[in-house]
Protein backbone atom coordinates (compact mmCIF):
# COMPACT_ATOMS: atom_id res chain seq x y z
CA MET A 1 22.63 -44.93 18.03
CA ALA A 2 23.34 -41.94 15.84
CA ALA A 3 26.51 -40.00 16.44
CA GLY A 4 26.24 -36.95 18.61
CA VAL A 5 24.13 -38.20 21.49
CA SER A 6 24.74 -41.03 23.89
CA ALA A 7 24.05 -42.40 27.33
CA GLY A 8 27.40 -44.11 27.69
CA PRO A 9 28.70 -46.72 25.21
CA GLN A 10 26.47 -48.01 22.43
CA VAL A 11 26.57 -51.49 23.96
CA ALA A 12 25.85 -50.98 27.64
CA SER A 13 27.36 -52.92 30.51
CA ALA A 14 25.42 -55.58 32.39
CA VAL A 15 22.78 -54.53 34.88
CA PRO A 16 23.91 -55.16 38.50
CA ARG A 17 22.30 -58.39 39.67
CA PRO A 18 21.21 -59.32 43.22
CA GLU A 19 22.90 -62.27 44.90
CA TRP A 20 19.81 -64.48 44.89
CA LEU A 21 19.41 -64.22 41.12
CA THR A 22 23.12 -64.74 40.49
CA ALA A 23 22.99 -67.89 42.62
CA PHE A 24 19.84 -69.16 40.90
CA LEU A 25 21.28 -68.73 37.42
CA ALA A 26 24.57 -70.34 38.43
CA GLU A 27 22.78 -73.31 40.00
CA THR A 28 20.61 -73.86 36.92
CA SER A 29 23.22 -73.12 34.25
CA ALA A 30 23.20 -76.74 33.01
CA TRP A 31 19.41 -76.92 32.69
CA ASP A 32 17.58 -76.94 29.35
CA ALA A 33 15.87 -73.57 29.76
CA ARG A 34 13.57 -73.97 26.75
CA ALA A 35 12.33 -77.31 27.99
CA VAL A 36 11.85 -76.12 31.57
CA ALA A 37 10.08 -72.87 30.58
CA PRO A 38 8.54 -73.31 27.12
CA LEU A 39 7.22 -70.26 25.28
CA ASP A 40 5.26 -72.02 22.55
CA PRO A 41 2.18 -69.95 21.57
CA ASP A 42 -0.26 -72.85 21.32
CA GLU A 43 0.90 -74.36 24.60
CA LEU A 44 0.55 -71.05 26.45
CA ILE A 45 -2.97 -70.62 25.09
CA ALA A 46 -3.93 -74.16 26.07
CA THR A 47 -2.53 -73.62 29.56
CA ALA A 48 -4.51 -70.41 30.08
CA ARG A 49 -7.68 -72.15 28.94
CA ARG A 50 -7.04 -75.11 31.22
CA LEU A 51 -6.37 -72.90 34.24
CA THR A 52 -9.55 -70.86 33.78
CA GLY A 53 -11.87 -73.42 32.21
CA LEU A 54 -12.71 -70.77 29.60
CA ASN A 55 -12.16 -70.61 25.83
CA ASP A 56 -13.18 -67.19 24.47
CA PHE A 57 -10.39 -64.58 24.16
CA GLY A 58 -12.62 -62.07 22.40
CA ALA A 59 -11.67 -60.42 19.09
CA ASP A 60 -8.74 -62.26 17.51
CA ASP A 61 -6.65 -59.16 16.68
CA TRP A 62 -4.29 -60.11 19.53
CA ARG A 63 -3.14 -63.36 17.94
CA GLU A 64 -0.86 -62.04 15.20
CA PRO A 65 1.23 -59.83 17.54
CA PHE A 66 1.25 -62.64 20.12
CA ASP A 67 2.84 -65.00 17.62
CA ILE A 68 5.25 -62.37 16.27
CA LEU A 69 6.39 -61.40 19.76
CA LEU A 70 7.00 -64.96 20.91
CA ARG A 71 8.92 -65.77 17.74
CA SER A 72 11.01 -62.63 18.22
CA ILE A 73 11.72 -63.55 21.83
CA GLU A 74 12.92 -67.00 20.86
CA GLU A 75 15.06 -65.76 17.98
CA GLU A 76 16.42 -62.48 19.37
CA ALA A 77 15.98 -61.89 23.11
CA GLU A 78 18.34 -64.54 24.54
CA LEU A 79 16.43 -64.92 27.78
CA HIS A 80 18.08 -66.71 30.69
CA LEU A 81 16.10 -69.32 32.64
CA PHE A 82 14.62 -66.90 35.15
CA GLY A 83 13.72 -64.56 32.28
CA ARG A 84 11.89 -67.39 30.54
CA LEU A 85 10.03 -68.40 33.70
CA TRP A 86 9.03 -64.79 34.36
CA THR A 87 7.91 -64.29 30.77
CA ARG A 88 5.87 -67.49 30.82
CA GLU A 89 4.13 -66.33 34.03
CA ASP A 90 3.43 -62.92 32.49
CA PHE A 91 2.00 -64.22 29.23
CA ILE A 92 -0.21 -66.83 30.87
CA GLY A 93 -1.46 -64.02 33.12
CA PHE A 94 -2.32 -61.80 30.14
CA LEU A 95 -4.17 -64.64 28.46
CA LYS A 96 -6.06 -65.54 31.63
CA ASN A 97 -7.14 -61.92 32.02
CA ARG A 98 -8.52 -61.85 28.48
CA LEU A 99 -10.50 -65.02 29.12
CA LEU A 100 -11.88 -63.70 32.40
CA ILE A 101 -12.79 -60.31 30.94
CA GLU A 102 -14.72 -61.90 28.07
CA ASP A 103 -16.46 -64.20 30.52
CA ALA A 104 -17.54 -61.22 32.64
CA TYR A 105 -19.03 -59.52 29.56
CA ARG A 106 -20.77 -62.75 28.54
CA ARG A 107 -22.41 -63.10 31.93
CA HIS A 108 -23.12 -59.38 32.33
CA PRO A 109 -23.72 -57.77 28.92
CA GLU A 110 -24.88 -54.59 30.68
CA ILE A 111 -21.19 -53.74 31.24
CA GLU A 112 -21.13 -52.58 27.62
CA ASP A 113 -23.57 -49.79 28.52
CA GLU A 114 -21.05 -48.13 30.85
CA VAL A 115 -20.01 -44.63 29.69
CA ILE A 116 -16.40 -43.43 29.86
CA ASP A 117 -17.06 -39.72 30.40
CA ARG A 118 -14.41 -37.13 29.48
CA PRO A 119 -11.33 -39.06 30.58
CA VAL A 120 -8.06 -37.17 31.12
CA PHE A 121 -4.95 -38.69 29.53
CA VAL A 122 -1.42 -37.63 30.50
CA THR A 123 1.23 -38.22 27.85
CA GLY A 124 4.57 -36.95 26.60
CA MET A 125 8.04 -38.27 25.88
CA PRO A 126 9.20 -41.03 28.20
CA ARG A 127 11.08 -39.57 31.19
CA SER A 128 9.55 -36.13 30.64
CA GLY A 129 7.67 -35.92 33.93
CA THR A 130 4.53 -37.84 32.98
CA SER A 131 4.71 -40.08 36.07
CA ILE A 132 5.04 -37.40 38.74
CA LEU A 133 2.42 -35.21 37.04
CA PHE A 134 0.06 -38.17 36.81
CA GLU A 135 0.53 -38.99 40.49
CA LEU A 136 -0.08 -35.36 41.49
CA LEU A 137 -3.23 -35.07 39.41
CA ALA A 138 -4.44 -38.32 40.94
CA GLN A 139 -4.66 -36.53 44.31
CA ASP A 140 -7.69 -34.62 42.98
CA SER A 141 -10.81 -36.38 44.28
CA ARG A 142 -12.68 -35.55 41.06
CA PHE A 143 -10.55 -38.11 39.26
CA LEU A 144 -9.76 -41.73 39.91
CA ALA A 145 -6.70 -43.27 38.34
CA PRO A 146 -6.43 -47.02 37.89
CA ALA A 147 -4.33 -48.55 40.64
CA ASN A 148 -1.54 -50.86 39.61
CA TRP A 149 -3.25 -53.89 41.09
CA GLU A 150 -6.48 -53.62 39.08
CA PHE A 151 -4.57 -53.62 35.80
CA VAL A 152 -2.65 -56.70 36.89
CA LEU A 153 -5.64 -58.64 38.30
CA PRO A 154 -8.79 -57.00 36.89
CA CYS A 155 -11.19 -59.93 37.38
CA PRO A 156 -13.47 -60.25 39.16
CA PRO A 157 -14.20 -56.54 38.61
CA PRO A 158 -13.32 -54.39 41.65
CA GLU A 159 -16.22 -53.29 43.85
CA ALA A 160 -16.51 -49.95 45.63
CA ALA A 161 -17.21 -51.50 49.04
CA THR A 162 -14.06 -53.64 49.02
CA TYR A 163 -11.81 -51.66 46.67
CA ARG A 164 -9.32 -50.66 49.39
CA THR A 165 -9.35 -54.07 51.07
CA ASP A 166 -9.50 -56.38 48.06
CA PRO A 167 -7.67 -59.64 48.89
CA ARG A 168 -5.89 -59.59 45.52
CA VAL A 169 -3.85 -56.54 46.46
CA PRO A 170 -0.99 -58.40 48.25
CA GLN A 171 -0.56 -60.82 45.35
CA ALA A 172 -0.58 -57.98 42.83
CA ASP A 173 1.91 -56.01 44.93
CA ASP A 174 4.30 -58.95 44.94
CA LEU A 175 4.07 -59.27 41.16
CA ILE A 176 4.48 -55.53 40.62
CA THR A 177 7.48 -55.05 42.90
CA GLN A 178 9.34 -58.03 41.48
CA MET A 179 11.10 -55.76 39.00
CA GLY A 180 12.84 -53.97 41.85
CA ARG A 181 13.94 -57.26 43.40
CA VAL A 182 15.38 -58.50 40.10
CA ALA A 183 17.14 -55.18 39.34
CA PRO A 184 17.46 -53.04 42.50
CA GLU A 185 18.57 -50.00 40.49
CA TYR A 186 15.10 -49.91 38.95
CA ARG A 187 13.73 -48.68 42.28
CA ALA A 188 15.49 -45.37 41.67
CA MET A 189 13.78 -45.04 38.29
CA HIS A 190 10.18 -45.90 39.17
CA GLU A 191 8.26 -46.14 42.40
CA MET A 192 6.37 -49.43 42.50
CA GLY A 193 3.44 -50.80 44.45
CA ALA A 194 -0.12 -52.04 44.19
CA TRP A 195 -1.64 -48.61 44.85
CA ILE A 196 0.62 -46.54 42.59
CA PRO A 197 -1.45 -45.26 39.64
CA ASN A 198 -0.12 -47.06 36.60
CA GLU A 199 0.23 -46.50 32.88
CA CYS A 200 -2.32 -47.46 30.28
CA GLY A 201 0.52 -49.30 28.55
CA VAL A 202 0.53 -51.88 31.35
CA SER A 203 -2.96 -52.96 30.30
CA PHE A 204 -2.05 -52.71 26.60
CA ARG A 205 0.07 -55.82 27.14
CA MET A 206 -3.13 -57.89 27.05
CA THR A 207 -3.47 -56.96 23.36
CA PHE A 208 0.20 -57.85 22.68
CA ARG A 209 0.46 -54.57 20.72
CA SER A 210 2.46 -52.84 23.40
CA GLN A 211 5.49 -50.61 23.66
CA HIS A 212 5.80 -51.90 27.21
CA LEU A 213 6.47 -55.34 25.78
CA ALA A 214 8.92 -53.90 23.24
CA ALA A 215 10.73 -52.33 26.20
CA THR A 216 10.82 -55.62 28.11
CA PHE A 217 12.69 -57.72 25.54
CA GLN A 218 15.33 -56.98 22.92
CA VAL A 219 13.11 -57.95 20.00
CA PRO A 220 13.86 -55.64 17.06
CA SER A 221 11.66 -57.56 14.62
CA TYR A 222 8.62 -57.25 16.90
CA THR A 223 9.41 -53.57 17.52
CA ALA A 224 9.59 -52.94 13.77
CA TRP A 225 6.21 -54.65 13.30
CA LEU A 226 4.69 -52.71 16.17
CA TRP A 227 5.54 -49.28 14.76
CA GLY A 228 3.57 -50.07 11.61
CA ALA A 229 0.65 -51.81 13.32
CA ASP A 230 -2.87 -50.46 13.67
CA GLN A 231 -3.37 -49.32 17.26
CA GLU A 232 -7.14 -48.97 17.17
CA PRO A 233 -7.63 -52.52 18.54
CA VAL A 234 -5.52 -51.49 21.54
CA TYR A 235 -7.69 -48.49 22.38
CA ARG A 236 -10.93 -50.36 21.72
CA TYR A 237 -9.87 -53.12 24.12
CA TYR A 238 -8.69 -50.57 26.65
CA LYS A 239 -12.09 -48.88 26.62
CA ARG A 240 -13.63 -52.31 27.20
CA LEU A 241 -11.37 -52.82 30.23
CA LEU A 242 -12.19 -49.39 31.69
CA LYS A 243 -15.91 -50.10 31.43
CA LEU A 244 -15.37 -53.32 33.34
CA LEU A 245 -13.31 -51.62 36.07
CA GLN A 246 -15.86 -48.85 36.67
CA TRP A 247 -18.92 -51.13 36.49
CA LYS A 248 -18.99 -51.87 40.23
CA ASN A 249 -16.56 -49.16 41.28
CA PRO A 250 -17.94 -45.98 39.67
CA ARG A 251 -15.85 -42.89 39.09
CA ALA A 252 -16.75 -39.50 37.68
CA HIS A 253 -13.77 -39.25 35.35
CA TRP A 254 -10.83 -41.51 34.63
CA LEU A 255 -7.30 -40.13 34.96
CA LEU A 256 -5.04 -42.11 32.64
CA LYS A 257 -1.44 -41.96 31.51
CA SER A 258 1.10 -43.39 29.10
CA PRO A 259 3.93 -41.83 27.04
CA GLU A 260 2.96 -43.87 23.99
CA HIS A 261 -0.35 -41.99 23.62
CA GLN A 262 1.59 -39.09 22.11
CA SER A 263 2.36 -41.25 19.05
CA PHE A 264 -1.27 -42.30 18.58
CA LEU A 265 -3.35 -39.24 19.41
CA PRO A 266 -5.63 -39.46 16.33
CA THR A 267 -6.55 -43.01 17.35
CA LEU A 268 -7.02 -42.01 20.99
CA PHE A 269 -9.45 -39.25 20.04
CA LYS A 270 -11.28 -41.58 17.63
CA VAL A 271 -12.01 -44.04 20.44
CA PHE A 272 -12.34 -41.41 23.23
CA PRO A 273 -13.71 -38.36 21.37
CA ASP A 274 -14.41 -36.32 24.52
CA ALA A 275 -10.99 -36.95 26.09
CA ARG A 276 -8.78 -34.20 27.46
CA VAL A 277 -5.04 -34.74 26.96
CA VAL A 278 -2.22 -33.26 29.03
CA VAL A 279 1.15 -33.32 27.23
CA THR A 280 4.43 -32.93 29.13
CA HIS A 281 7.39 -31.22 27.47
CA ARG A 282 11.07 -31.69 28.32
CA ASP A 283 14.42 -31.18 26.59
CA PRO A 284 14.41 -34.21 24.24
CA VAL A 285 18.17 -34.73 24.56
CA LYS A 286 17.95 -35.13 28.33
CA ALA A 287 14.81 -37.24 28.22
CA GLN A 288 16.30 -39.51 25.58
CA GLY A 289 19.42 -40.21 27.60
CA SER A 290 17.23 -41.26 30.50
CA VAL A 291 15.15 -43.55 28.27
CA THR A 292 18.25 -45.32 27.01
CA ASN A 293 19.44 -46.04 30.54
CA LEU A 294 15.98 -47.21 31.56
CA MET A 295 15.75 -49.63 28.66
CA ARG A 296 19.18 -51.06 29.42
CA THR A 297 17.90 -51.87 32.91
CA LEU A 298 14.61 -53.35 31.68
CA TYR A 299 16.29 -55.62 29.13
CA GLY A 300 18.89 -56.74 31.65
CA MET A 301 16.26 -58.12 34.00
CA ARG A 302 15.56 -61.15 31.81
CA SER A 303 18.62 -61.59 29.66
CA ASP A 304 22.42 -61.53 29.64
CA LYS A 305 22.43 -60.20 26.09
CA PRO A 306 24.27 -56.86 25.96
CA PHE A 307 22.02 -53.92 25.23
CA ASP A 308 22.79 -52.52 21.79
CA ALA A 309 20.88 -49.27 21.34
CA ARG A 310 21.67 -49.31 17.60
CA ALA A 311 19.16 -52.13 17.14
CA PHE A 312 16.34 -49.82 18.23
CA GLU A 313 16.89 -46.80 16.01
CA GLU A 314 13.22 -45.96 15.55
CA LEU A 315 12.79 -45.51 19.26
CA LEU A 316 16.17 -44.29 20.43
CA THR A 317 17.81 -42.17 17.76
CA PRO A 318 17.43 -38.39 17.84
CA GLU A 319 16.06 -38.54 14.29
CA GLY A 320 13.28 -40.94 15.32
CA THR A 321 12.38 -38.88 18.36
CA ALA A 322 12.39 -35.64 16.37
CA ALA A 323 10.15 -37.16 13.69
CA ARG A 324 7.57 -38.16 16.28
CA LEU A 325 7.64 -34.72 17.91
CA ASP A 326 7.27 -33.03 14.53
CA GLN A 327 4.34 -35.30 13.73
CA PHE A 328 2.68 -34.39 17.01
CA THR A 329 3.04 -30.69 16.20
CA ALA A 330 1.67 -31.22 12.67
CA TRP A 331 -1.40 -33.05 14.01
CA ILE A 332 -2.22 -29.97 16.09
CA ASP A 333 -1.50 -27.46 13.30
CA ASP A 334 -3.45 -29.43 10.68
CA GLY A 335 -6.47 -30.00 12.90
CA VAL A 336 -6.03 -33.77 12.91
CA VAL A 337 -6.44 -33.68 16.69
CA PRO A 338 -8.53 -31.13 18.63
CA ALA A 339 -6.10 -28.51 19.92
CA ASP A 340 -8.69 -27.18 22.38
CA GLN A 341 -8.72 -30.56 24.14
CA ILE A 342 -4.93 -30.58 24.65
CA VAL A 343 -3.16 -28.92 27.59
CA HIS A 344 0.62 -28.47 27.80
CA SER A 345 2.88 -28.84 30.86
CA ARG A 346 6.61 -28.05 30.97
CA TYR A 347 8.84 -30.43 32.94
CA ALA A 348 11.01 -27.51 34.07
CA ASP A 349 8.02 -25.77 35.66
CA LEU A 350 6.87 -28.97 37.36
CA ILE A 351 10.28 -29.54 38.93
CA ASP A 352 10.85 -25.89 39.95
CA ASP A 353 7.44 -25.29 41.55
CA PRO A 354 5.06 -28.28 41.34
CA LEU A 355 2.07 -26.56 42.97
CA ALA A 356 2.31 -23.49 40.75
CA ALA A 357 2.63 -25.74 37.69
CA LEU A 358 -0.45 -27.69 38.77
CA GLU A 359 -2.44 -24.50 39.29
CA HIS A 360 -1.50 -23.27 35.82
CA LEU A 361 -2.39 -26.62 34.28
CA HIS A 362 -5.81 -26.68 35.96
CA ALA A 363 -6.46 -23.15 34.72
CA GLN A 364 -5.56 -24.11 31.14
CA ALA A 365 -7.92 -27.06 31.29
CA GLY A 366 -10.72 -25.00 32.81
CA LEU A 367 -10.82 -27.30 35.84
CA GLY A 368 -10.14 -24.87 38.65
CA PHE A 369 -7.85 -25.95 41.48
CA PRO A 370 -10.03 -26.69 44.51
CA ASP A 371 -8.67 -26.62 48.05
CA GLN A 372 -8.92 -30.40 48.34
CA ALA A 373 -6.74 -30.96 45.28
CA ARG A 374 -4.18 -28.38 46.38
CA ALA A 375 -3.88 -29.73 49.92
CA ALA A 376 -3.68 -33.35 48.76
CA ALA A 377 -0.99 -32.55 46.18
CA GLN A 378 1.01 -30.62 48.79
CA ALA A 379 0.80 -33.53 51.24
CA TYR A 380 1.83 -35.97 48.52
CA LEU A 381 4.89 -33.89 47.64
CA ALA A 382 5.88 -33.66 51.29
CA HIS A 383 6.05 -37.43 51.49
CA LYS A 384 7.84 -37.87 48.17
CA PRO A 385 10.93 -35.66 48.11
CA LYS A 386 13.18 -35.86 45.08
CA GLY A 387 15.57 -38.77 45.37
CA LYS A 388 13.47 -40.61 47.96
CA PHE A 389 14.06 -43.92 46.17
CA GLY A 390 17.65 -43.25 45.16
CA ALA A 391 19.21 -41.23 42.40
CA HIS A 392 18.80 -42.14 38.76
CA HIS A 393 22.18 -41.21 37.25
CA TYR A 394 22.80 -40.87 33.53
CA THR A 395 24.75 -38.58 31.24
CA THR A 396 23.99 -37.14 27.83
CA HIS A 397 26.18 -35.49 25.23
CA ALA A 398 24.81 -33.75 22.16
CA ASP A 399 26.36 -31.71 19.36
CA ASP A 400 24.78 -28.80 17.49
CA ARG A 401 23.29 -31.11 14.84
CA ILE A 402 21.28 -32.96 17.49
CA HIS A 403 20.06 -29.76 19.11
CA GLN A 404 19.01 -28.48 15.68
CA LEU A 405 16.73 -31.51 15.22
CA PHE A 406 14.71 -30.44 18.26
CA ARG A 407 14.95 -26.67 17.91
CA ALA A 408 11.56 -26.18 16.21
CA TYR A 409 9.83 -28.34 18.83
CA GLN A 410 11.52 -26.55 21.74
CA GLN A 411 10.72 -23.12 20.35
CA ARG A 412 7.11 -24.05 19.64
CA PHE A 413 6.47 -25.22 23.20
CA ASP A 414 9.04 -23.01 24.96
CA VAL A 415 11.05 -25.97 26.23
CA PRO A 416 14.41 -25.00 27.80
CA SER A 417 17.57 -27.01 27.14
CA GLU A 418 19.04 -28.78 30.17
CA ASP A 419 22.69 -29.19 29.14
């Protein structure tokens, strides 16, 4: 990590581990982890096909990143046995979902005729308030955000009559909340559950072109490939998934969210030309310190390898962050993305007075703020006070050079410094 900003030492300490996982790893320390939990690409594909009885994965643009990621995991990630077992379960699940989605389209080609009408995307730097804003906007009955469970187990497609009672929900909830059982400190960083609205990036994992996957494993070679990869296949596949999910469970407008959208807005608007995008803004120095601590926790769930932030300069250095923010600003100024379809939300305003911030945001977007949305958001806030799931502690230190990198961005969007 570049000098001048840090979230503790460059190589972070181990993530606190629950007793059950410590005991499991100790008991299996003599096992051949690669033999017990193989991560061979061809074998994983064959297993998914055998389990589903299906063969068609759809467009083959997923295969190159799939192979690159698995090779990077084997060569760089240093997964322990539980990490390998968990990863194997995840990847077989992604492959099974692809097979089942393609089978649904084969049997019901009318799904392709579904229209994704004026979706709303929430994006911004990681840890800049995208999650709480997304959850508050999801209280508006005019929108329907994808629940965690339908991204994890999308097939068969959810149906309106059984959406709230679908028998897959308990299984999905167990899979989703596993992160908090593996690393209890994660519960203070993200609320988890089957009905929590989740990020688009969770579904992007099925394309294997995913920043979520890059944040799951210490795989610098995959991360380097990902930053230069075409993201249009990701958004095309995502649109295909959304059509499937709304086919038997209609919704007027999708409410969607992921920080990584900010880096791919031209592609997003190419695939979703009538989208409206809400961008959150926070002091980059503070947000970046939080990201670093989050990634340390994520990597530590599956591996004993120390987290070295220097290996992820494109994502974690102030220079990399500043370059992406400057690019975002240039896209707006140069007309590469439609400025009139982008609404801005300051993290400071959202924290100080969430309801007032929501009202201002709705006014900017020309949505109005109906009584139902206001009352639902107020009730949601009453049941989710700050710190409800523990405190997420981290520190940041930045010199004048680091602040100068972000000065133009902060002035442009009136973003206050937090340190």
